[in-house]
PDB file of N, CA and C in Angstrom:
ATOM      1  N   UNK A   1       7.943   4.253   3.371  1.00  0.00           N
ATOM      2  CA  UNK A   1       7.253   4.346   2.094  1.00  0.00           C
ATOM      3  C   UNK A   1       5.880   3.678   2.225  1.00  0.00           C
ATOM      4  N   UNK A   2       4.867   4.354   1.718  1.00  0.00           N
ATOM      5  CA  UNK A   2       3.510   3.825   1.743  1.00  0.00           C
ATOM      6  C   UNK A   2       3.148   3.401   0.318  1.00  0.00           C
ATOM      7  N   UNK A   3       2.738   2.149   0.174  1.00  0.00           N
ATOM      8  CA  UNK A   3       2.332   1.648  -1.140  1.00  0.00           C
ATOM      9  C   UNK A   3       0.846   1.909  -1.333  1.00  0.00           C
ATOM     10  N   UNK A   4       0.481   2.330  -2.521  1.00  0.00           N
ATOM     11  CA  UNK A   4      -0.912   2.596  -2.858  1.00  0.00           C
ATOM     12  C   UNK A   4      -1.553   1.291  -3.335  1.00  0.00           C
ATOM     13  N   UNK A   5      -2.279   0.650  -2.433  1.00  0.00           N
ATOM     14  CA  UNK A   5      -2.891  -0.649  -2.744  1.00  0.00           C
ATOM     15  C   UNK A   5      -3.858  -0.548  -3.913  1.00  0.00           C
ATOM     16  N   UNK A   6      -4.591   0.554  -3.998  1.00  0.00           N
ATOM     17  CA  UNK A   6      -5.552   0.717  -5.098  1.00  0.00           C
ATOM     18  C   UNK A   6      -4.826   0.779  -6.444  1.00  0.00           C
ATOM     19  N   UNK A   7      -3.694   1.474  -6.482  1.00  0.00           N
ATOM     20  CA  UNK A   7      -2.913   1.556  -7.717  1.00  0.00           C
ATOM     21  C   UNK A   7      -2.386   0.181  -8.101  1.00  0.00           C
ATOM     22  N   UNK A   8      -1.825  -0.534  -7.129  1.00  0.00           N
ATOM     23  CA  UNK A   8      -1.281  -1.859  -7.421  1.00  0.00           C
ATOM     24  C   UNK A   8      -2.364  -2.809  -7.901  1.00  0.00           C
ATOM     25  N   UNK A   9      -3.534  -2.753  -7.287  1.00  0.00           N
ATOM     26  CA  UNK A   9      -4.660  -3.608  -7.698  1.00  0.00           C
ATOM     27  C   UNK A   9      -5.108  -3.257  -9.118  1.00  0.00           C
ATOM     28  N   UNK A  10      -5.182  -1.962  -9.416  1.00  0.00           N
ATOM     29  CA  UNK A  10      -5.616  -1.525 -10.749  1.00  0.00           C
ATOM     30  C   UNK A  10      -4.625  -1.997 -11.815  1.00  0.00           C
ATOM     31  N   UNK A  11      -3.336  -1.875 -11.517  1.00  0.00           N
ATOM     32  CA  UNK A  11      -2.311  -2.326 -12.465  1.00  0.00           C
ATOM     33  C   UNK A  11      -2.426  -3.838 -12.672  1.00  0.00           C
ATOM     34  N   UNK A  12      -2.527  -4.580 -11.576  1.00  0.00           N
ATOM     35  CA  UNK A  12      -2.651  -6.036 -11.669  1.00  0.00           C
ATOM     36  C   UNK A  12      -3.887  -6.434 -12.471  1.00  0.00           C
ATOM     37  N   UNK A  13      -5.013  -5.809 -12.179  1.00  0.00           N
ATOM     38  CA  UNK A  13      -6.258  -6.133 -12.886  1.00  0.00           C
ATOM     39  C   UNK A  13      -6.145  -5.844 -14.380  1.00  0.00           C
ATOM     40  N   UNK A  14      -5.507  -4.727 -14.727  1.00  0.00           N
ATOM     41  CA  UNK A  14      -5.370  -4.396 -16.149  1.00  0.00           C
ATOM     42  C   UNK A  14      -4.446  -5.384 -16.860  1.00  0.00           C
ATOM     43  N   UNK A  15      -3.318  -5.683 -16.236  1.00  0.00           N
ATOM     44  CA  UNK A  15      -2.358  -6.596 -16.862  1.00  0.00           C
ATOM     45  C   UNK A  15      -2.967  -7.995 -17.025  1.00  0.00           C
ATOM     46  N   UNK A  16      -3.750  -8.417 -16.057  1.00  0.00           N
ATOM     47  CA  UNK A  16      -4.292  -9.784 -16.060  1.00  0.00           C
ATOM     48  C   UNK A  16      -5.736  -9.876 -16.561  1.00  0.00           C
ATOM     49  N   UNK A  17      -6.230  -8.838 -17.177  1.00  0.00           N
ATOM     50  CA  UNK A  17      -7.641  -8.805 -17.562  1.00  0.00           C
ATOM     51  C   UNK A  17      -8.062  -9.920 -18.516  1.00  0.00           C
ATOM     52  N   UNK A  18      -7.137 -10.454 -19.292  1.00  0.00           N
ATOM     53  CA  UNK A  18      -7.507 -11.502 -20.255  1.00  0.00           C
ATOM     54  C   UNK A  18      -7.222 -12.915 -19.756  1.00  0.00           C
ATOM     55  N   UNK A  19      -6.752 -13.023 -18.514  1.00  0.00           N
ATOM     56  CA  UNK A  19      -6.493 -14.352 -17.949  1.00  0.00           C
ATOM     57  C   UNK A  19      -7.783 -14.982 -17.452  1.00  0.00           C
ATOM     58  N   UNK A  20      -7.951 -16.257 -17.681  1.00  0.00           N
ATOM     59  CA  UNK A  20      -9.096 -16.950 -17.085  1.00  0.00           C
ATOM     60  C   UNK A  20      -8.977 -16.938 -15.555  1.00  0.00           C
ATOM     61  N   UNK A  21     -10.082 -16.967 -14.855  1.00  0.00           N
ATOM     62  CA  UNK A  21     -10.112 -16.917 -13.390  1.00  0.00           C
ATOM     63  C   UNK A  21      -9.261 -18.010 -12.743  1.00  0.00           C
ATOM     64  N   UNK A  22      -9.199 -19.169 -13.362  1.00  0.00           N
ATOM     65  CA  UNK A  22      -8.470 -20.281 -12.756  1.00  0.00           C
ATOM     66  C   UNK A  22      -6.946 -20.152 -12.899  1.00  0.00           C
ATOM     67  N   UNK A  23      -6.473 -19.119 -13.527  1.00  0.00           N
ATOM     68  CA  UNK A  23      -5.035 -18.892 -13.703  1.00  0.00           C
ATOM     69  C   UNK A  23      -4.428 -18.151 -12.508  1.00  0.00           C
ATOM     70  N   UNK A  24      -4.695 -18.633 -11.314  1.00  0.00           N
ATOM     71  CA  UNK A  24      -4.257 -17.935 -10.103  1.00  0.00           C
ATOM     72  C   UNK A  24      -2.738 -17.941  -9.936  1.00  0.00           C
ATOM     73  N   UNK A  25      -2.059 -18.968 -10.408  1.00  0.00           N
ATOM     74  CA  UNK A  25      -0.606 -19.016 -10.313  1.00  0.00           C
ATOM     75  C   UNK A  25       0.055 -17.910 -11.109  1.00  0.00           C
ATOM     76  N   UNK A  26      -0.437 -17.684 -12.310  1.00  0.00           N
ATOM     77  CA  UNK A  26       0.110 -16.621 -13.157  1.00  0.00           C
ATOM     78  C   UNK A  26      -0.182 -15.271 -12.525  1.00  0.00           C
ATOM     79  N   UNK A  27      -1.402 -15.087 -12.068  1.00  0.00           N
ATOM     80  CA  UNK A  27      -1.778 -13.815 -11.445  1.00  0.00           C
ATOM     81  C   UNK A  27      -0.913 -13.541 -10.210  1.00  0.00           C
ATOM     82  N   UNK A  28      -0.655 -14.558  -9.409  1.00  0.00           N
ATOM     83  CA  UNK A  28       0.192 -14.393  -8.227  1.00  0.00           C
ATOM     84  C   UNK A  28       1.619 -14.017  -8.625  1.00  0.00           C
ATOM     85  N   UNK A  29       2.125 -14.630  -9.692  1.00  0.00           N
ATOM     86  CA  UNK A  29       3.466 -14.319 -10.190  1.00  0.00           C
ATOM     87  C   UNK A  29       3.541 -12.851 -10.619  1.00  0.00           C
ATOM     88  N   UNK A  30       2.565 -12.400 -11.379  1.00  0.00           N
ATOM     89  CA  UNK A  30       2.532 -11.014 -11.847  1.00  0.00           C
ATOM     90  C   UNK A  30       2.421 -10.066 -10.654  1.00  0.00           C
ATOM     91  N   UNK A  31       1.552 -10.389  -9.711  1.00  0.00           N
ATOM     92  CA  UNK A  31       1.376  -9.552  -8.524  1.00  0.00           C
ATOM     93  C   UNK A  31       2.681  -9.428  -7.743  1.00  0.00           C
ATOM     94  N   UNK A  32       3.400 -10.521  -7.634  1.00  0.00           N
ATOM     95  CA  UNK A  32       4.670 -10.525  -6.914  1.00  0.00           C
ATOM     96  C   UNK A  32       5.674  -9.583  -7.564  1.00  0.00           C
ATOM     97  N   UNK A  33       5.770  -9.640  -8.876  1.00  0.00           N
ATOM     98  CA  UNK A  33       6.723  -8.782  -9.595  1.00  0.00           C
ATOM     99  C   UNK A  33       6.334  -7.307  -9.483  1.00  0.00           C
ATOM    100  N   UNK A  34       5.042  -7.019  -9.571  1.00  0.00           N
ATOM    101  CA  UNK A  34       4.582  -5.633  -9.430  1.00  0.00           C
ATOM    102  C   UNK A  34       4.883  -5.125  -8.020  1.00  0.00           C
ATOM    103  N   UNK A  35       4.607  -5.938  -7.028  1.00  0.00           N
ATOM    104  CA  UNK A  35       4.857  -5.549  -5.641  1.00  0.00           C
ATOM    105  C   UNK A  35       6.357  -5.358  -5.383  1.00  0.00           C
ATOM    106  N   UNK A  36       7.188  -6.225  -5.927  1.00  0.00           N
ATOM    107  CA  UNK A  36       8.641  -6.070  -5.787  1.00  0.00           C
ATOM    108  C   UNK A  36       9.092  -4.719  -6.339  1.00  0.00           C
ATOM    109  N   UNK A  37       8.589  -4.372  -7.520  1.00  0.00           N
ATOM    110  CA  UNK A  37       8.964  -3.098  -8.137  1.00  0.00           C
ATOM    111  C   UNK A  37       8.481  -1.919  -7.290  1.00  0.00           C
ATOM    112  N   UNK A  38       7.279  -2.029  -6.774  1.00  0.00           N
ATOM    113  CA  UNK A  38       6.728  -0.945  -5.958  1.00  0.00           C
ATOM    114  C   UNK A  38       7.524  -0.761  -4.666  1.00  0.00           C
ATOM    115  N   UNK A  39       7.957  -1.847  -4.064  1.00  0.00           N
ATOM    116  CA  UNK A  39       8.736  -1.725  -2.831  1.00  0.00           C
ATOM    117  C   UNK A  39      10.138  -1.180  -3.100  1.00  0.00           C
ATOM    118  N   UNK A  40      10.602  -1.288  -4.331  1.00  0.00           N
ATOM    119  CA  UNK A  40      11.878  -0.667  -4.712  1.00  0.00           C
ATOM    120  C   UNK A  40      11.699   0.816  -5.020  1.00  0.00           C
ATOM    121  N   UNK A  41      10.454   1.288  -4.999  1.00  0.00           N
ATOM    122  CA  UNK A  41      10.203   2.713  -5.210  1.00  0.00           C
ATOM    123  C   UNK A  41       9.543   3.074  -6.516  1.00  0.00           C
ATOM    124  N   UNK A  42       9.253   2.091  -7.358  1.00  0.00           N
ATOM    125  CA  UNK A  42       8.611   2.374  -8.646  1.00  0.00           C
ATOM    126  C   UNK A  42       7.114   2.569  -8.425  1.00  0.00           C
ATOM    127  N   UNK A  43       6.611   3.750  -8.702  1.00  0.00           N
ATOM    128  CA  UNK A  43       5.183   4.029  -8.479  1.00  0.00           C
ATOM    129  C   UNK A  43       4.484   4.547  -9.726  1.00  0.00           C
ATOM    130  N   UNK A  44       5.191   4.612 -10.838  1.00  0.00           N
ATOM    131  CA  UNK A  44       4.589   5.088 -12.078  1.00  0.00           C
ATOM    132  C   UNK A  44       3.711   3.989 -12.668  1.00  0.00           C
ATOM    133  N   UNK A  45       2.416   4.257 -12.844  1.00  0.00           N
ATOM    134  CA  UNK A  45       1.516   3.208 -13.351  1.00  0.00           C
ATOM    135  C   UNK A  45       1.989   2.567 -14.658  1.00  0.00           C
ATOM    136  N   UNK A  46       2.453   3.364 -15.600  1.00  0.00           N
ATOM    137  CA  UNK A  46       2.873   2.796 -16.889  1.00  0.00           C
ATOM    138  C   UNK A  46       4.070   1.856 -16.738  1.00  0.00           C
ATOM    139  N   UNK A  47       5.006   2.223 -15.872  1.00  0.00           N
ATOM    140  CA  UNK A  47       6.170   1.361 -15.658  1.00  0.00           C
ATOM    141  C   UNK A  47       5.752   0.090 -14.929  1.00  0.00           C
ATOM    142  N   UNK A  48       4.875   0.209 -13.952  1.00  0.00           N
ATOM    143  CA  UNK A  48       4.382  -0.975 -13.250  1.00  0.00           C
ATOM    144  C   UNK A  48       3.644  -1.909 -14.209  1.00  0.00           C
ATOM    145  N   UNK A  49       2.903  -1.344 -15.147  1.00  0.00           N
ATOM    146  CA  UNK A  49       2.211  -2.165 -16.154  1.00  0.00           C
ATOM    147  C   UNK A  49       3.220  -2.888 -17.041  1.00  0.00           C
ATOM    148  N   UNK A  50       4.290  -2.199 -17.429  1.00  0.00           N
ATOM    149  CA  UNK A  50       5.329  -2.840 -18.245  1.00  0.00           C
ATOM    150  C   UNK A  50       5.961  -3.998 -17.483  1.00  0.00           C
ATOM    151  N   UNK A  51       6.237  -3.788 -16.207  1.00  0.00           N
ATOM    152  CA  UNK A  51       6.816  -4.835 -15.378  1.00  0.00           C
ATOM    153  C   UNK A  51       5.837  -6.001 -15.261  1.00  0.00           C
ATOM    154  N   UNK A  52       4.570  -5.700 -15.075  1.00  0.00           N
ATOM    155  CA  UNK A  52       3.555  -6.745 -14.990  1.00  0.00           C
ATOM    156  C   UNK A  52       3.415  -7.530 -16.278  1.00  0.00           C
ATOM    157  N   UNK A  53       3.447  -6.830 -17.401  1.00  0.00           N
ATOM    158  CA  UNK A  53       3.352  -7.521 -18.699  1.00  0.00           C
ATOM    159  C   UNK A  53       4.574  -8.407 -18.944  1.00  0.00           C
ATOM    160  N   UNK A  54       5.741  -7.929 -18.536  1.00  0.00           N
ATOM    161  CA  UNK A  54       6.955  -8.743 -18.672  1.00  0.00           C
ATOM    162  C   UNK A  54       6.831  -9.997 -17.813  1.00  0.00           C
ATOM    163  N   UNK A  55       6.320  -9.846 -16.600  1.00  0.00           N
ATOM    164  CA  UNK A  55       6.124 -11.000 -15.715  1.00  0.00           C
ATOM    165  C   UNK A  55       5.113 -11.969 -16.308  1.00  0.00           C
ATOM    166  N   UNK A  56       4.093 -11.439 -16.936  1.00  0.00           N
ATOM    167  CA  UNK A  56       3.073 -12.276 -17.560  1.00  0.00           C
ATOM    168  C   UNK A  56       3.689 -13.104 -18.687  1.00  0.00           C
ATOM    169  N   UNK A  57       4.561 -12.499 -19.455  1.00  0.00           N
ATOM    170  CA  UNK A  57       5.161 -13.231 -20.578  1.00  0.00           C
ATOM    171  C   UNK A  57       6.229 -14.220 -20.129  1.00  0.00           C
ATOM    172  N   UNK A  58       6.795 -14.017 -18.938  1.00  0.00           N
ATOM    173  CA  UNK A  58       7.832 -14.948 -18.455  1.00  0.00           C
ATOM    174  C   UNK A  58       7.275 -16.037 -17.538  1.00  0.00           C
ATOM    175  N   UNK A  59       6.003 -15.977 -17.224  1.00  0.00           N
ATOM    176  CA  UNK A  59       5.403 -17.000 -16.350  1.00  0.00           C
ATOM    177  C   UNK A  59       5.537 -18.361 -17.004  1.00  0.00           C
ATOM    178  N   UNK A  60       5.900 -19.384 -16.226  1.00  0.00           N
ATOM    179  CA  UNK A  60       6.011 -20.738 -16.801  1.00  0.00           C
ATOM    180  C   UNK A  60       4.737 -21.154 -17.527  1.00  0.00           C
ATOM    181  N   UNK A  61       4.919 -21.816 -18.650  1.00  0.00           N
ATOM    182  CA  UNK A  61       3.756 -22.198 -19.465  1.00  0.00           C
ATOM    183  C   UNK A  61       2.824 -23.153 -18.737  1.00  0.00           C
ATOM    184  N   UNK A  62       3.323 -23.893 -17.774  1.00  0.00           N
ATOM    185  CA  UNK A  62       2.424 -24.798 -17.042  1.00  0.00           C
ATOM    186  C   UNK A  62       1.425 -24.027 -16.179  1.00  0.00           C
ATOM    187  N   UNK A  63       1.710 -22.732 -15.938  1.00  0.00           N
ATOM    188  CA  UNK A  63       0.774 -21.886 -15.174  1.00  0.00           C
ATOM    189  C   UNK A  63      -0.293 -21.296 -16.065  1.00  0.00           C
ATOM    190  N   UNK A  64      -0.124 -21.410 -17.382  1.00  0.00           N
ATOM    191  CA  UNK A  64      -1.091 -20.773 -18.283  1.00  0.00           C
ATOM    192  C   UNK A  64      -2.065 -21.764 -18.824  1.00  0.00           C
TER     193      UNK A  64
END
């Protein structure tokens, strides 16, 4: 399976667009969840965005 890096980056950027630059821990958490889903075979942008938004809302508050 080949992952589309441009798609994953676009999804991550959209989900994290309102995060301050210094919120790298949260961004890494969201990226990890999106990548996990993609490696399981999920390639639909809307579903990846939902997964990313869920990860964003579950990130520990100390990361925000």
